[in-house]
Amino acid sequence: MKLIQVLGPGCPKCETLYQNVQKVIEETGIPAHIEKITDLKRIALMGVIQTPGLVIDGQVVSQGKVLSVEEVKKLLS
């Protein structure tokens, strides 16, 4: 099972990324746990400077960008 973390303080861009990740999981059936992290200290400790950030299995794969559903699919495949 993949651990997917969406990082951000809850801004509209962060919410959109979270929704896009949910859509990918629903469409593909990939077994995953999605976690939303809003604590700025924790986000900074993960090395993310710009939100929204996306972390898959402990690796930062994107920051400062709202990834589309297709972009998220590519990262998870």
N, C-alpha and C. Protein backbone atom coordinates (compact mmCIF):
# COMPACT_ATOMS: atom_id res chain seq x y z
N MET A 1 0.84 -1.18 0.00
CA MET A 1 0.00 0.00 0.00
C MET A 1 0.88 1.24 0.00
N LYS A 2 0.54 2.18 -0.86
CA LYS A 2 1.29 3.43 -0.95
C LYS A 2 0.81 4.41 0.10
N LEU A 3 1.74 5.20 0.62
CA LEU A 3 1.40 6.31 1.50
C LEU A 3 1.57 7.58 0.69
N ILE A 4 0.47 8.29 0.51
CA ILE A 4 0.48 9.54 -0.27
C ILE A 4 0.14 10.66 0.68
N GLN A 5 1.00 11.67 0.73
CA GLN A 5 0.79 12.81 1.62
C GLN A 5 0.68 14.08 0.78
N VAL A 6 -0.40 14.81 1.01
CA VAL A 6 -0.60 16.11 0.37
C VAL A 6 -0.30 17.16 1.43
N LEU A 7 0.65 18.03 1.13
CA LEU A 7 1.12 19.01 2.10
C LEU A 7 0.63 20.41 1.75
N GLY A 8 0.08 21.10 2.73
CA GLY A 8 -0.34 22.48 2.52
C GLY A 8 -1.26 22.94 3.64
N PRO A 9 -1.36 24.25 3.80
CA PRO A 9 -2.12 24.81 4.91
C PRO A 9 -3.64 24.76 4.73
N GLY A 10 -4.11 24.24 3.62
CA GLY A 10 -5.56 24.17 3.39
C GLY A 10 -6.04 25.18 2.37
N CYS A 11 -5.13 25.73 1.60
CA CYS A 11 -5.49 26.71 0.57
C CYS A 11 -6.23 26.01 -0.58
N PRO A 12 -6.88 26.76 -1.44
CA PRO A 12 -7.62 26.16 -2.56
C PRO A 12 -6.74 25.26 -3.45
N LYS A 13 -5.49 25.65 -3.69
CA LYS A 13 -4.60 24.82 -4.51
C LYS A 13 -4.32 23.49 -3.83
N CYS A 14 -4.13 23.52 -2.53
CA CYS A 14 -3.87 22.29 -1.77
C CYS A 14 -5.08 21.37 -1.82
N GLU A 15 -6.26 21.94 -1.70
CA GLU A 15 -7.49 21.16 -1.74
C GLU A 15 -7.68 20.53 -3.12
N THR A 16 -7.35 21.28 -4.16
CA THR A 16 -7.48 20.75 -5.53
C THR A 16 -6.53 19.58 -5.74
N LEU A 17 -5.30 19.70 -5.27
CA LEU A 17 -4.35 18.59 -5.39
C LEU A 17 -4.86 17.37 -4.63
N TYR A 18 -5.37 17.58 -3.43
CA TYR A 18 -5.91 16.47 -2.64
C TYR A 18 -7.04 15.78 -3.39
N GLN A 19 -7.94 16.56 -3.98
CA GLN A 19 -9.06 15.99 -4.74
C GLN A 19 -8.56 15.23 -5.96
N ASN A 20 -7.54 15.75 -6.63
CA ASN A 20 -6.99 15.06 -7.80
C ASN A 20 -6.36 13.73 -7.41
N VAL A 21 -5.69 13.70 -6.29
CA VAL A 21 -5.11 12.44 -5.81
C VAL A 21 -6.23 11.45 -5.49
N GLN A 22 -7.28 11.90 -4.84
CA GLN A 22 -8.41 11.03 -4.54
C GLN A 22 -9.02 10.44 -5.82
N LYS A 23 -9.18 11.28 -6.84
CA LYS A 23 -9.75 10.82 -8.11
C LYS A 23 -8.89 9.71 -8.71
N VAL A 24 -7.58 9.89 -8.68
CA VAL A 24 -6.68 8.88 -9.25
C VAL A 24 -6.83 7.56 -8.50
N ILE A 25 -6.88 7.61 -7.19
CA ILE A 25 -7.01 6.39 -6.39
C ILE A 25 -8.34 5.70 -6.69
N GLU A 26 -9.40 6.48 -6.80
CA GLU A 26 -10.71 5.92 -7.11
C GLU A 26 -10.74 5.31 -8.51
N GLU A 27 -10.15 6.00 -9.49
CA GLU A 27 -10.18 5.54 -10.88
C GLU A 27 -9.30 4.32 -11.11
N THR A 28 -8.14 4.28 -10.46
CA THR A 28 -7.17 3.22 -10.74
C THR A 28 -7.27 2.05 -9.78
N GLY A 29 -7.83 2.27 -8.60
CA GLY A 29 -7.91 1.21 -7.61
C GLY A 29 -6.58 0.90 -6.94
N ILE A 30 -5.61 1.78 -7.09
CA ILE A 30 -4.30 1.60 -6.45
C ILE A 30 -4.51 1.59 -4.93
N PRO A 31 -4.00 0.57 -4.24
CA PRO A 31 -4.13 0.57 -2.79
C PRO A 31 -3.25 1.65 -2.17
N ALA A 32 -3.88 2.60 -1.52
CA ALA A 32 -3.13 3.73 -0.97
C ALA A 32 -3.86 4.34 0.21
N HIS A 33 -3.06 4.95 1.08
CA HIS A 33 -3.58 5.74 2.18
C HIS A 33 -3.20 7.19 1.88
N ILE A 34 -4.20 8.07 1.85
CA ILE A 34 -3.95 9.48 1.56
C ILE A 34 -4.02 10.25 2.86
N GLU A 35 -2.98 11.04 3.11
CA GLU A 35 -2.90 11.84 4.33
C GLU A 35 -2.74 13.31 3.95
N LYS A 36 -3.50 14.15 4.62
CA LYS A 36 -3.39 15.60 4.40
C LYS A 36 -2.60 16.17 5.57
N ILE A 37 -1.50 16.85 5.28
CA ILE A 37 -0.66 17.44 6.33
C ILE A 37 -0.74 18.95 6.22
N THR A 38 -1.22 19.60 7.29
CA THR A 38 -1.38 21.05 7.28
C THR A 38 -0.43 21.77 8.23
N ASP A 39 0.27 21.02 9.07
CA ASP A 39 1.20 21.61 10.03
C ASP A 39 2.44 22.14 9.31
N LEU A 40 2.63 23.46 9.33
CA LEU A 40 3.72 24.08 8.57
C LEU A 40 5.10 23.63 9.05
N LYS A 41 5.26 23.38 10.34
CA LYS A 41 6.55 22.89 10.83
C LYS A 41 6.86 21.51 10.25
N ARG A 42 5.86 20.67 10.26
CA ARG A 42 6.06 19.31 9.71
C ARG A 42 6.34 19.36 8.21
N ILE A 43 5.65 20.25 7.51
CA ILE A 43 5.87 20.42 6.07
C ILE A 43 7.31 20.86 5.82
N ALA A 44 7.78 21.83 6.59
CA ALA A 44 9.15 22.33 6.43
C ALA A 44 10.17 21.23 6.74
N LEU A 45 9.91 20.43 7.76
CA LEU A 45 10.82 19.33 8.11
C LEU A 45 10.92 18.30 6.99
N MET A 46 9.88 18.21 6.17
CA MET A 46 9.90 17.28 5.05
C MET A 46 10.65 17.86 3.85
N GLY A 47 11.09 19.11 3.97
CA GLY A 47 11.87 19.73 2.91
C GLY A 47 11.05 20.45 1.86
N VAL A 48 9.77 20.65 2.13
CA VAL A 48 8.90 21.33 1.17
C VAL A 48 8.84 22.81 1.52
N ILE A 49 9.22 23.65 0.55
CA ILE A 49 9.25 25.09 0.75
C ILE A 49 7.99 25.74 0.19
N GLN A 50 7.52 25.24 -0.96
CA GLN A 50 6.33 25.79 -1.59
C GLN A 50 5.22 24.74 -1.56
N THR A 51 4.03 25.18 -1.17
CA THR A 51 2.89 24.28 -1.19
C THR A 51 2.03 24.58 -2.41
N PRO A 52 1.24 23.65 -2.86
CA PRO A 52 1.06 22.33 -2.29
C PRO A 52 2.25 21.42 -2.59
N GLY A 53 2.45 20.47 -1.70
CA GLY A 53 3.49 19.48 -1.91
C GLY A 53 2.87 18.10 -1.99
N LEU A 54 3.55 17.21 -2.69
CA LEU A 54 3.08 15.83 -2.79
C LEU A 54 4.23 14.89 -2.46
N VAL A 55 3.98 14.00 -1.51
CA VAL A 55 4.98 13.04 -1.06
C VAL A 55 4.40 11.65 -1.27
N ILE A 56 5.16 10.79 -1.94
CA ILE A 56 4.74 9.41 -2.16
C ILE A 56 5.77 8.50 -1.53
N ASP A 57 5.31 7.70 -0.58
CA ASP A 57 6.18 6.76 0.14
C ASP A 57 7.45 7.44 0.67
N GLY A 58 7.28 8.62 1.26
CA GLY A 58 8.38 9.33 1.90
C GLY A 58 9.25 10.16 0.99
N GLN A 59 8.96 10.18 -0.31
CA GLN A 59 9.77 10.95 -1.26
C GLN A 59 8.95 12.13 -1.80
N VAL A 60 9.51 13.33 -1.68
CA VAL A 60 8.86 14.53 -2.23
C VAL A 60 8.93 14.44 -3.75
N VAL A 61 7.77 14.41 -4.40
CA VAL A 61 7.74 14.30 -5.85
C VAL A 61 7.27 15.58 -6.54
N SER A 62 6.70 16.49 -5.75
CA SER A 62 6.24 17.76 -6.34
C SER A 62 6.04 18.78 -5.23
N GLN A 63 6.32 20.04 -5.58
CA GLN A 63 6.01 21.13 -4.65
C GLN A 63 5.77 22.40 -5.44
N GLY A 64 4.84 23.21 -4.92
CA GLY A 64 4.53 24.49 -5.54
C GLY A 64 3.69 24.40 -6.79
N LYS A 65 3.06 23.24 -7.04
CA LYS A 65 2.29 23.06 -8.27
C LYS A 65 1.08 22.18 -8.00
N VAL A 66 -0.03 22.53 -8.63
CA VAL A 66 -1.22 21.68 -8.57
C VAL A 66 -1.11 20.70 -9.73
N LEU A 67 -0.83 19.45 -9.41
CA LEU A 67 -0.72 18.44 -10.45
C LEU A 67 -2.10 18.03 -10.94
N SER A 68 -2.20 17.79 -12.24
CA SER A 68 -3.47 17.32 -12.81
C SER A 68 -3.66 15.85 -12.46
N VAL A 69 -4.84 15.34 -12.73
CA VAL A 69 -5.13 13.93 -12.49
C VAL A 69 -4.15 13.07 -13.29
N GLU A 70 -3.91 13.44 -14.53
CA GLU A 70 -2.99 12.68 -15.39
C GLU A 70 -1.57 12.70 -14.85
N GLU A 71 -1.12 13.83 -14.35
CA GLU A 71 0.23 13.93 -13.78
C GLU A 71 0.37 13.04 -12.55
N VAL A 72 -0.66 13.02 -11.72
CA VAL A 72 -0.64 12.17 -10.52
C VAL A 72 -0.61 10.70 -10.93
N LYS A 73 -1.39 10.34 -11.94
CA LYS A 73 -1.41 8.95 -12.43
C LYS A 73 0.00 8.52 -12.84
N LYS A 74 0.70 9.38 -13.56
CA LYS A 74 2.05 9.05 -14.02
C LYS A 74 3.00 8.82 -12.84
N LEU A 75 2.86 9.63 -11.80
CA LEU A 75 3.72 9.47 -10.64
C LEU A 75 3.44 8.19 -9.87
N LEU A 76 2.21 7.73 -9.90
CA LEU A 76 1.82 6.54 -9.16
C LEU A 76 1.97 5.24 -9.95
N SER A 77 2.22 5.37 -11.26
CA SER A 77 2.32 4.13 -12.06
C SER A 77 3.71 3.54 -12.03
